[in-house]
Amino acid sequence: MPQLDTSTWFITIISSIITLFIMFQLKISLQSFPHPPSPKTFETQKTKNPWESKWTKIYSPLLLPPQ
C-alpha cells in the first residue's frame, strides 16, 4: 500500500491561511462603518433647593463629647 505524500501539506496550509487572511483584510477594509455620534451641547437648568443655601453638618455619635 503506497504512503501518502505529505511533503506539500505545510506550504498548502500556510498559503491558504495567508490567502484567507488577505481576503478578510480586504473585505473588512472595504466595508463602510457609520460615523461616531457627535456630542450634543445642552444646558442644564439649576433648580434652587432649600438645603443648598443652608450649611448643614452631620455629627457622628463617636465624635460627640461624652455626656
Protein backbone atom coordinates (compact mmCIF):
# COMPACT_ATOMS: atom_id res chain seq x y z
CA MET A 1 0.00 0.00 0.00
CA PRO A 2 1.56 3.31 -1.04
CA GLN A 3 2.24 6.04 1.52
CA LEU A 4 0.52 9.38 1.33
CA ASP A 5 2.91 12.11 0.33
CA THR A 6 2.56 14.90 2.92
CA SER A 7 5.56 16.96 1.92
CA THR A 8 3.45 19.67 0.26
CA TRP A 9 0.87 19.94 3.03
CA PHE A 10 2.77 22.55 5.01
CA ILE A 11 3.11 25.00 2.14
CA THR A 12 -0.50 24.38 1.09
CA ILE A 13 -1.87 25.08 4.57
CA ILE A 14 0.32 28.16 5.09
CA SER A 15 -0.56 29.63 1.70
CA SER A 16 -4.28 29.05 2.25
CA ILE A 17 -4.09 30.73 5.68
CA ILE A 18 -2.29 33.72 4.20
CA THR A 19 -4.81 33.92 1.38
CA LEU A 20 -7.72 33.81 3.81
CA PHE A 21 -6.10 36.49 5.94
CA ILE A 22 -5.63 38.77 2.93
CA MET A 23 -9.19 38.18 1.74
CA PHE A 24 -10.64 39.03 5.14
CA GLN A 25 -8.47 42.12 5.43
CA LEU A 26 -9.70 43.33 2.06
CA LYS A 27 -13.29 42.58 2.94
CA ILE A 28 -13.05 44.45 6.23
CA SER A 29 -11.17 47.41 4.78
CA LEU A 30 -13.77 47.94 2.06
CA GLN A 31 -16.67 47.92 4.49
CA SER A 32 -18.09 51.30 5.45
CA PHE A 33 -18.84 51.97 9.09
CA PRO A 34 -21.23 54.58 10.46
CA HIS A 35 -19.80 57.80 11.82
CA PRO A 36 -19.45 58.07 15.58
CA PRO A 37 -22.13 60.20 17.19
CA SER A 38 -21.26 63.83 17.72
CA PRO A 39 -21.65 65.17 21.25
CA LYS A 40 -24.67 67.35 21.83
CA THR A 41 -24.41 70.51 23.82
CA PHE A 42 -27.21 71.15 26.24
CA GLU A 43 -27.69 73.49 29.15
CA THR A 44 -28.84 72.16 32.46
CA GLN A 45 -31.23 74.24 34.44
CA LYS A 46 -30.14 74.66 38.01
CA THR A 47 -33.01 74.36 40.46
CA LYS A 48 -32.76 76.06 43.80
CA ASN A 49 -33.28 73.64 46.66
CA PRO A 50 -33.81 74.90 50.18
CA TRP A 51 -30.97 72.82 51.59
CA GLU A 52 -28.45 74.21 49.13
CA SER A 53 -28.45 77.65 50.69
CA LYS A 54 -28.05 76.31 54.25
CA TRP A 55 -24.88 74.95 55.74
CA THR A 56 -25.58 71.58 57.27
CA LYS A 57 -23.38 69.49 59.46
CA ILE A 58 -23.76 65.81 60.23
CA TYR A 59 -22.37 64.72 63.56
CA SER A 60 -21.12 61.24 64.09
CA PRO A 61 -22.08 59.79 67.51
CA LEU A 62 -18.44 58.87 68.09
CA LEU A 63 -17.31 62.47 67.63
CA LEU A 64 -19.73 63.91 70.16
CA PRO A 65 -18.31 64.70 73.62
CA PRO A 66 -19.16 62.15 76.30
CA GLN A 67 -22.14 63.07 78.46
